Protein backbone atom coordinates (compact mmCIF):
# COMPACT_ATOMS: atom_id res chain seq x y z
CA ALA A 1 -31.56 -20.15 -5.53
CA SER A 2 -31.91 -16.88 -3.65
CA VAL A 3 -31.33 -16.86 0.07
CA TYR A 4 -32.50 -14.17 2.52
CA ALA A 5 -31.17 -12.65 5.80
CA GLY A 6 -31.89 -15.04 8.59
CA THR A 7 -31.61 -18.20 6.52
CA VAL A 8 -30.66 -21.11 8.79
CA VAL A 9 -28.67 -24.16 7.59
CA GLU A 10 -29.82 -27.24 9.59
CA GLU A 11 -27.60 -29.71 7.77
CA GLY A 12 -24.51 -29.64 5.48
CA GLU A 13 -22.99 -26.37 4.13
CA ILE A 14 -24.08 -23.33 2.14
CA THR A 15 -22.06 -20.96 -0.02
CA VAL A 16 -23.65 -17.61 -0.39
CA GLU A 17 -22.58 -15.08 -3.23
CA VAL A 18 -23.35 -11.50 -2.42
CA LYS A 19 -24.60 -9.67 -5.50
CA ALA A 20 -25.11 -6.21 -4.03
CA VAL A 21 -25.06 -4.62 -0.61
CA GLY A 22 -26.49 -1.32 0.72
CA GLY A 23 -24.59 1.68 -0.45
CA SER A 24 -23.01 -0.10 -3.46
CA GLY A 25 -25.00 1.90 -6.09
CA ARG A 26 -23.24 4.53 -8.28
CA TYR A 27 -24.97 7.46 -6.51
CA ASP A 28 -24.38 6.01 -3.07
CA LYS A 29 -20.67 5.82 -3.93
CA ILE A 30 -20.47 9.36 -5.10
CA VAL A 31 -22.19 10.58 -1.80
CA THR A 32 -19.76 8.39 0.22
CA MET A 33 -16.75 9.82 -1.75
CA ILE A 34 -17.83 13.39 -1.08
CA GLU A 35 -18.39 12.64 2.72
CA ASP A 36 -15.01 10.92 2.98
CA SER A 37 -13.10 13.71 1.06
CA GLN A 38 -13.08 15.87 4.16
CA LYS A 39 -11.55 13.01 6.28
CA LEU A 40 -8.88 12.34 3.66
CA LYS A 41 -7.50 15.91 3.44
CA SER A 42 -3.82 16.27 4.34
CA GLY A 43 -2.93 17.75 7.74
CA LEU A 44 -1.29 20.72 6.18
CA GLU A 45 -4.41 21.33 4.00
CA GLY A 46 -6.50 21.25 7.13
CA LYS A 47 -4.22 23.56 9.07
CA ALA A 48 -4.21 26.03 6.28
CA GLU A 49 -8.05 26.00 6.23
CA HIS A 50 -8.24 26.36 10.01
CA LEU A 51 -5.67 29.24 9.88
CA ALA A 52 -7.64 30.98 7.17
CA ASP A 53 -10.81 30.85 9.28
CA LYS A 54 -9.02 32.02 12.37
CA LEU A 55 -7.44 34.95 10.64
CA VAL A 56 -10.88 36.46 9.67
CA PRO A 57 -11.59 38.04 13.06
CA TYR A 58 -8.05 39.39 13.28
CA THR A 59 -8.49 41.00 9.76
CA LEU A 60 -11.69 42.64 10.96
CA ALA A 61 -10.08 43.72 14.29
CA GLY A 62 -7.07 45.15 12.35
CA THR A 63 -9.33 47.17 10.06
CA GLY A 64 -11.06 48.73 13.12
CA LEU A 65 -7.75 49.44 14.97
CA VAL A 66 -6.30 51.21 11.79
CA TYR A 67 -9.48 53.36 11.61
CA LEU A 68 -9.28 54.20 15.28
CA ALA A 69 -5.59 55.02 15.08
CA THR A 70 -5.69 56.98 11.77
CA ARG A 71 -9.27 58.05 11.37
CA ASN A 72 -8.70 57.28 7.67
CA ALA A 73 -11.33 54.99 6.14
CA THR A 74 -9.18 54.37 3.03
CA LYS A 75 -6.26 53.01 5.06
CA ALA A 76 -8.68 50.82 7.04
CA ILE A 77 -10.33 49.51 3.83
CA ALA A 78 -6.82 48.62 2.56
CA VAL A 79 -6.51 46.09 5.36
CA LEU A 80 -9.98 44.75 4.66
CA MET A 81 -9.18 44.29 0.88
CA VAL A 82 -6.14 41.96 1.61
CA ASP A 83 -7.14 38.79 3.32
CA PHE A 84 -5.04 35.64 3.76
CA SER A 85 -8.06 33.34 3.48
CA CYS A 86 -8.41 33.34 -0.32
CA ALA A 87 -4.89 32.28 -1.18
CA LEU A 88 -4.66 29.82 1.75
CA LYS A 89 -7.97 28.15 0.88
CA LEU A 90 -7.36 28.00 -2.83
CA ALA A 91 -3.63 27.30 -3.29
CA MET A 92 -3.28 24.44 -0.76
CA PRO A 93 -6.18 22.17 -2.04
CA ILE A 94 -5.10 22.95 -5.64
CA SER A 95 -1.55 21.78 -4.80
CA VAL A 96 -2.86 18.54 -3.35
CA LEU A 97 -5.36 17.77 -6.21
CA SER A 98 -2.67 18.56 -8.75
CA ALA A 99 -0.27 16.11 -7.03
CA ILE A 100 -2.96 13.37 -6.98
CA ARG A 101 -3.63 13.91 -10.63
CA GLU A 102 0.20 13.78 -11.46
CA ALA A 103 0.33 10.58 -9.40
CA SER A 104 -2.15 8.95 -11.67
CA GLN A 105 0.13 9.73 -14.69
CA HIS A 106 2.60 7.41 -13.03
CA ASN A 107 -0.02 4.61 -12.54
CA VAL A 108 -0.43 5.48 -8.91
CA THR A 109 -3.90 5.89 -7.43
CA VAL A 110 -4.06 7.89 -4.21
CA LYS A 111 -7.25 7.92 -2.16
CA GLY A 112 -6.69 11.28 -0.42
CA GLY A 113 -4.16 14.10 0.24
CA LYS A 114 -3.42 12.87 3.78
CA TYR A 115 -1.75 9.79 2.32
CA MET A 116 0.63 11.73 0.20
CA GLU A 117 1.63 13.62 3.29
CA ALA A 118 2.14 10.32 5.08
CA VAL A 119 4.34 9.08 2.29
CA ALA A 120 6.47 12.31 2.38
CA GLU A 121 6.90 11.81 6.19
CA ALA A 122 7.69 8.15 5.89
CA ASP A 123 11.14 7.03 6.98
CA THR A 124 10.61 3.24 6.95
CA ILE A 125 9.32 0.98 4.12
CA VAL A 126 8.25 -2.68 4.52
CA PHE A 127 8.11 -4.87 1.39
CA ASP A 128 6.30 -8.20 1.19
CA LYS A 129 8.38 -10.35 -1.02
CA THR A 130 6.08 -12.48 -3.22
CA GLY A 131 4.46 -10.46 -5.95
CA THR A 132 5.99 -7.24 -4.76
CA LEU A 133 9.77 -7.48 -4.78
CA THR A 134 9.37 -10.51 -7.05
CA LYS A 135 7.19 -10.68 -10.11
CA ALA A 136 3.68 -12.09 -9.57
CA GLU A 137 4.41 -14.87 -12.15
CA PRO A 138 6.17 -17.71 -10.24
CA THR A 139 6.77 -20.94 -12.02
CA VAL A 140 7.61 -24.48 -10.98
CA ALA A 141 11.32 -25.06 -11.53
CA GLU A 142 11.61 -28.56 -10.11
CA VAL A 143 9.75 -31.24 -8.15
CA VAL A 144 12.09 -33.12 -5.67
CA PRO A 145 10.36 -36.35 -4.64
CA PHE A 146 10.97 -38.08 -1.36
CA GLY A 147 10.30 -41.61 0.05
CA GLY A 148 10.45 -43.24 -3.50
CA ASN A 149 7.44 -41.14 -4.68
CA ASN A 150 7.00 -40.29 -8.33
CA ALA A 151 7.59 -36.51 -9.07
CA ASP A 152 4.73 -36.20 -11.52
CA GLU A 153 2.38 -37.92 -9.26
CA MET A 154 3.35 -35.63 -6.43
CA LEU A 155 2.80 -32.57 -8.76
CA ARG A 156 -0.61 -33.89 -9.69
CA MET A 157 -1.50 -34.26 -6.03
CA ALA A 158 -0.29 -30.76 -5.21
CA ALA A 159 -2.25 -29.29 -8.11
CA CYS A 160 -5.42 -31.06 -6.95
CA MET A 161 -5.12 -29.30 -3.55
CA GLU A 162 -3.84 -26.00 -4.68
CA GLU A 163 -6.41 -25.36 -7.50
CA HIS A 164 -8.91 -24.02 -5.02
CA PHE A 165 -6.86 -21.13 -3.75
CA PRO A 166 -6.23 -17.78 -5.66
CA HIS A 167 -2.52 -17.36 -4.76
CA SER A 168 0.38 -16.91 -7.27
CA MET A 169 2.35 -19.87 -6.02
CA ALA A 170 -0.82 -22.06 -6.10
CA LYS A 171 -1.46 -20.99 -9.69
CA ALA A 172 2.20 -21.87 -10.50
CA VAL A 173 1.62 -25.40 -9.32
CA VAL A 174 -1.68 -25.84 -11.22
CA ASP A 175 -0.07 -24.37 -14.32
CA ALA A 176 2.81 -26.76 -14.18
CA ALA A 177 0.49 -29.72 -13.83
CA LEU A 178 -1.50 -28.45 -16.99
CA LYS A 179 1.66 -28.18 -18.99
CA LYS A 180 2.51 -31.86 -18.27
CA ASP A 181 -1.10 -32.88 -19.05
CA LEU A 182 -1.46 -34.24 -15.49
CA ASP A 183 -5.19 -34.72 -14.91
CA HIS A 184 -6.12 -33.74 -11.36
CA GLU A 185 -9.79 -34.10 -10.87
CA GLU A 186 -11.17 -34.05 -7.33
CA MET A 187 -9.13 -36.67 -5.62
CA HIS A 188 -9.61 -35.34 -2.16
CA SER A 189 -12.11 -34.87 0.56
CA LYS A 190 -12.87 -31.51 2.17
CA VAL A 191 -9.95 -29.13 1.88
CA GLN A 192 -8.95 -27.05 4.88
CA TYR A 193 -7.03 -23.83 4.18
CA VAL A 194 -4.95 -22.41 6.95
CA VAL A 195 -4.22 -18.77 6.09
CA ALA A 196 -0.49 -18.06 5.57
CA HIS A 197 0.39 -21.67 6.47
CA GLY A 198 -0.99 -24.21 3.91
CA ILE A 199 -3.57 -26.72 2.95
CA SER A 200 -4.65 -30.07 4.61
CA THR A 201 -6.97 -32.79 3.31
CA THR A 202 -7.36 -36.48 2.80
CA ILE A 203 -6.45 -38.12 -0.61
CA GLU A 204 -7.31 -41.75 -1.15
CA GLY A 205 -7.57 -42.26 2.55
CA LYS A 206 -4.14 -40.64 3.29
CA THR A 207 -3.73 -37.37 5.22
CA ALA A 208 -2.12 -34.87 2.83
CA ILE A 209 -0.73 -31.41 3.73
CA ILE A 210 1.09 -28.88 1.66
CA GLY A 211 2.53 -25.47 2.70
CA SER A 212 5.41 -23.82 4.39
CA TYR A 213 8.36 -25.41 6.25
CA HIS A 214 6.88 -24.03 9.38
CA PHE A 215 3.47 -25.47 8.74
CA VAL A 216 4.63 -28.94 7.63
CA PHE A 217 7.46 -29.59 10.10
CA GLU A 218 6.75 -27.44 13.14
CA ASP A 219 2.93 -27.25 13.30
CA GLU A 220 2.22 -30.74 11.84
CA ASN A 221 5.40 -32.44 13.07
CA CYS A 222 6.03 -34.20 9.81
CA LYS A 223 9.23 -36.25 9.36
CA ILE A 224 11.82 -36.52 6.55
CA PRO A 225 12.35 -40.13 5.24
CA GLU A 226 15.45 -41.71 6.77
CA GLY A 227 18.66 -41.36 4.80
CA GLU A 228 17.41 -38.72 2.40
CA GLU A 229 19.91 -35.95 2.79
CA GLU A 230 18.90 -34.21 -0.41
CA PHE A 231 16.56 -32.09 1.78
CA GLU A 232 19.52 -29.93 2.79
CA ALA A 233 20.75 -29.41 -0.71
CA LEU A 234 17.56 -27.76 -2.09
CA PRO A 235 18.43 -24.68 -4.12
CA GLU A 236 18.40 -21.48 -2.04
CA GLU A 237 17.25 -19.14 -4.79
CA TYR A 238 13.83 -20.98 -4.98
CA SER A 239 10.79 -20.78 -2.73
CA HIS A 240 9.79 -24.19 -1.42
CA LEU A 241 6.36 -25.84 -1.00
CA TYR A 242 6.41 -28.92 1.18
CA LEU A 243 4.07 -31.84 0.45
CA ALA A 244 3.68 -34.54 3.14
CA LEU A 245 1.64 -37.70 3.12
CA GLU A 246 0.69 -39.55 6.39
CA GLY A 247 3.17 -37.27 8.35
CA THR A 248 6.16 -37.99 6.13
CA LEU A 249 7.71 -35.63 3.61
CA ALA A 250 6.67 -36.79 0.02
CA ALA A 251 7.98 -33.95 -2.11
CA VAL A 252 9.35 -30.43 -2.27
CA ILE A 253 8.20 -28.29 -5.06
CA CYS A 254 10.73 -25.65 -6.00
CA ILE A 255 9.22 -22.61 -7.22
CA GLU A 256 11.16 -19.88 -9.16
CA ASP A 257 9.90 -16.53 -7.99
CA PRO A 258 11.88 -14.16 -10.27
CA LEU A 259 13.07 -11.03 -8.66
CA ARG A 260 12.09 -7.77 -10.27
CA GLU A 261 15.02 -6.45 -12.35
CA GLU A 262 14.52 -3.03 -10.87
CA ALA A 263 14.28 -4.03 -7.16
CA ALA A 264 17.74 -3.24 -6.10
CA ASP A 265 17.82 0.14 -7.93
CA VAL A 266 14.44 1.11 -6.49
CA ILE A 267 15.70 0.49 -2.93
CA LYS A 268 18.74 2.69 -3.62
CA LYS A 269 16.50 5.43 -4.98
CA LEU A 270 14.11 5.26 -2.02
CA LYS A 271 16.97 5.71 0.39
CA LYS A 272 18.10 8.76 -1.67
CA ALA A 273 14.45 10.14 -1.36
CA GLY A 274 14.45 10.01 2.51
CA ILE A 275 13.81 6.40 3.42
CA THR A 276 16.27 5.32 6.22
CA LYS A 277 15.13 1.78 6.84
CA VAL A 278 14.06 -0.80 4.16
CA VAL A 279 12.50 -4.10 5.58
CA MET A 280 11.55 -7.30 3.68
CA MET A 281 8.98 -9.69 5.19
CA THR A 282 8.18 -13.13 3.75
CA GLY A 283 6.62 -16.45 4.60
CA ASP A 284 9.45 -18.20 2.82
CA SER A 285 12.23 -20.13 4.61
CA GLU A 286 15.24 -18.36 6.22
CA ARG A 287 17.58 -19.59 3.38
CA THR A 288 15.37 -18.23 0.64
CA ALA A 289 14.71 -15.01 2.38
CA ALA A 290 18.48 -14.44 3.01
CA ALA A 291 19.34 -15.08 -0.55
CA ILE A 292 16.76 -12.52 -1.87
CA ALA A 293 17.55 -9.95 0.82
CA LYS A 294 21.30 -10.00 -0.11
CA ARG A 295 20.43 -9.46 -3.81
CA VAL A 296 18.08 -6.51 -3.22
CA GLY A 297 20.09 -4.83 -0.48
CA VAL A 298 17.42 -4.45 2.28
CA ASP A 299 18.45 -3.21 5.82
CA GLU A 300 16.52 -6.01 7.61
CA TYR A 301 14.50 -9.17 6.57
CA TYR A 302 12.22 -11.56 8.38
CA SER A 303 11.39 -15.08 7.18
CA GLU A 304 8.47 -17.41 7.87
CA VAL A 305 6.30 -14.62 9.12
CA LEU A 306 2.56 -14.78 9.70
CA PRO A 307 0.10 -12.02 8.81
CA GLU A 308 -0.07 -10.95 12.41
CA ASP A 309 3.82 -10.89 12.57
CA LYS A 310 3.87 -8.32 9.88
CA ALA A 311 1.23 -6.12 11.53
CA ASN A 312 2.90 -6.40 14.95
CA PHE A 313 6.24 -5.33 13.44
CA ILE A 314 4.71 -2.29 11.99
CA THR A 315 2.93 -1.34 15.19
CA LYS A 316 6.18 -1.71 17.10
CA GLU A 317 8.02 0.52 14.69
CA LYS A 318 5.24 3.19 14.88
CA GLU A 319 5.50 3.11 18.69
CA LYS A 320 9.18 3.93 18.27
CA GLY A 321 8.02 7.11 16.46
CA ARG A 322 8.78 5.87 12.99
CA LYS A 323 6.40 6.55 9.95
CA VAL A 324 5.86 3.39 8.08
CA MET A 325 4.93 2.53 4.55
CA MET A 326 3.82 -1.09 3.72
CA ILE A 327 3.73 -2.56 0.21
CA GLY A 328 1.99 -5.84 -0.38
CA ASP A 329 -0.39 -7.67 -2.73
CA GLY A 330 -2.03 -10.61 -0.84
CA ILE A 331 -4.74 -11.40 1.65
CA THR A 332 -2.04 -11.99 4.20
CA ASP A 333 -0.67 -8.51 3.74
CA SER A 334 -4.01 -6.87 4.61
CA PRO A 335 -3.44 -6.54 8.50
CA ALA A 336 -0.06 -4.91 7.87
CA LEU A 337 -1.48 -2.59 5.16
CA SER A 338 -4.19 -1.49 7.68
CA ALA A 339 -1.60 -0.99 10.51
CA ALA A 340 0.90 1.04 8.56
CA SER A 341 1.01 4.89 8.43
CA VAL A 342 0.21 4.41 4.74
CA GLY A 343 -0.59 1.13 2.97
CA ILE A 344 0.28 0.55 -0.71
CA ALA A 345 -1.22 -2.34 -2.70
CA VAL A 346 -0.18 -3.76 -5.96
CA SER A 347 -3.00 -3.62 -8.50
CA ASP A 348 -2.57 -7.33 -9.48
CA GLY A 349 -3.04 -8.37 -5.94
CA ALA A 350 -5.97 -9.48 -3.89
CA GLU A 351 -9.22 -7.41 -3.82
CA ILE A 352 -9.15 -7.09 -0.04
CA ALA A 353 -5.60 -5.70 -0.11
CA LYS A 354 -6.54 -3.04 -2.65
CA GLU A 355 -9.68 -2.18 -0.61
CA ILE A 356 -7.78 -1.74 2.62
CA ALA A 357 -4.68 0.04 1.09
CA ASP A 358 -4.58 3.81 0.89
CA ILE A 359 -2.65 3.92 -2.32
CA THR A 360 -2.57 1.44 -5.32
CA ILE A 361 0.29 1.13 -7.75
CA SER A 362 0.24 -0.97 -11.05
CA ALA A 363 2.18 -4.17 -11.11
CA GLU A 364 4.35 -2.87 -14.00
CA SER A 365 7.24 -1.46 -12.10
CA LEU A 366 8.42 -0.65 -8.58
CA TYR A 367 9.79 2.69 -9.91
CA GLU A 368 6.22 3.92 -9.32
CA VAL A 369 7.00 3.76 -5.58
CA VAL A 370 10.00 6.00 -6.14
CA ALA A 371 7.96 8.41 -8.21
CA LEU A 372 5.29 8.43 -5.41
CA LYS A 373 7.91 9.22 -2.66
CA GLN A 374 9.45 11.96 -4.83
CA LEU A 375 6.12 13.45 -5.68
CA SER A 376 5.04 13.49 -2.05
CA ASN A 377 8.30 15.15 -0.99
CA ALA A 378 7.90 17.75 -3.72
CA LEU A 379 4.32 18.36 -2.67
CA LEU A 380 5.21 19.15 0.94
CA LYS A 381 7.92 21.42 -0.28
CA ARG A 382 5.52 23.32 -2.56
CA ILE A 383 2.95 23.65 0.17
CA HIS A 384 5.50 25.14 2.54
CA THR A 385 6.77 27.50 -0.29
CA ASN A 386 3.20 28.58 -1.01
CA TYR A 387 2.58 29.24 2.66
CA ARG A 388 5.56 31.52 3.01
CA SER A 389 4.75 33.27 -0.31
CA ILE A 390 1.16 33.91 0.78
CA VAL A 391 2.15 35.30 4.12
CA ALA A 392 5.01 37.48 2.76
CA ILE A 393 2.99 38.92 -0.18
CA ASN A 394 -0.25 39.69 1.80
CA SER A 395 1.55 41.06 4.84
CA SER A 396 3.55 43.42 2.46
CA LEU A 397 0.24 44.62 0.84
CA ILE A 398 -1.33 45.24 4.27
CA VAL A 399 1.75 47.31 5.39
CA LEU A 400 1.73 49.32 2.11
CA GLY A 401 -1.94 49.94 2.32
CA VAL A 402 -1.80 51.26 5.84
CA ALA A 403 1.20 53.38 4.97
CA GLY A 404 -0.84 54.93 2.26
CA VAL A 405 1.50 53.75 -0.54
CA LEU A 406 -1.15 51.58 -2.25
CA ALA A 407 -4.98 52.48 -2.75
CA PRO A 408 -7.46 49.88 -1.58
CA ALA A 409 -8.30 49.06 -5.16
CA THR A 410 -4.61 48.52 -6.01
CA SER A 411 -4.15 46.41 -2.87
CA ALA A 412 -7.19 44.19 -3.92
CA LEU A 413 -5.95 43.82 -7.36
CA CYS A 414 -2.45 42.79 -6.31
CA HIS A 415 -3.93 40.40 -3.71
CA ASN A 416 -6.21 38.70 -6.19
CA VAL A 417 -3.44 38.52 -8.91
CA SER A 418 -0.96 36.99 -6.47
CA THR A 419 -3.56 34.40 -5.38
CA LEU A 420 -4.19 33.51 -8.98
CA LEU A 421 -0.52 33.23 -9.82
CA ILE A 422 0.23 31.04 -6.78
CA SER A 423 -2.79 28.79 -7.69
CA LEU A 424 -1.69 28.51 -11.26
CA LYS A 425 1.86 27.70 -10.25
CA SER A 426 0.39 24.97 -7.88
CA MET A 427 -1.15 23.34 -10.82
CA LYS A 428 2.18 22.63 -12.62
CA ASN A 429 3.74 19.14 -12.44
CA LEU A 430 6.07 18.54 -9.46
CA LEU A 431 8.36 16.02 -11.31
CA PRO A 432 10.22 16.54 -14.52
């Protein structure tokens, strides 16, 4: 049934699905995009426009001064015929738009020129682990039961709890139960989801929780059954989900979260492109995080972090004067993506992460991040080269015009041809 603004629920619960909101129509989005485009211009683009506007009065003043000094209208007009504004206002935006177009060829979607400038200036990069440095296709490798519990029964129980939550690890648990034909119809009461921690509920009258080590043992104070030393021998290369019943560990689900083959090489290439600090952050245990960090070659890693920890780390790095890129794919990465100098989301990730992020890359390969960094570096280099070329060419034409070497018509022709050539050159691809 339809509900309306101001609906009051007197008893029970209500779930509302929003079908449309104000401003979500196609024409509304176009208007919003045009309005936002001004805010998303790169700093250098904006400076070039402001400089072009500021130079207009000086050009007019220069024309007047030349006439007063020489009493020669032809020489004065030569100054008027050559203006910096055209080239500055054309070449700079064309360079940025061309770079954004080229980025799309590398499966990178950039929301505005200012973000490419931020990527070029970035010296620190923060990776979320799951779904970013690792593939977004984790699988259950093993279920280790505790306290005499049956492994399949524990997997069934875990799948029953996890099926409500759109996370790659939750999907791995549900898929593993399906493969074993373990029927897991609603066995539980109301499920409570604690973001970045885990899930708690009641199953057959027993309190059941599943989640991270931090959530199960530190927040919920669960115990390990006496004499079960297997707990310490869990494989380090796997991520671990802990399932506890009535405050006692019932099973550990070992999830294989395969590392992307290109991860280590991507980090080397990013360092070559100007990144000086590579950080990995994950909600996994210290042992798992250490094993992955060693394999990919990050400078720093942080384990068992919460969403606010990621955002706080980025804020502190920015306070030190560092420019930070953040790459993530989940709901828990959203605060960090928002806090970063530039946030990059993986296209297979959560919708909110893609909405908040400034740039989106496809989930196919992390080499797209390298291409983005190289492209942004090359864009800044091109803008600086264009700026120097524009100033040198137009200043020379003004001097030659005032000296009487070039006629006003020739100065105007040379000025317009140089503007056209610089603009055409700005449309060429930046990367081989």
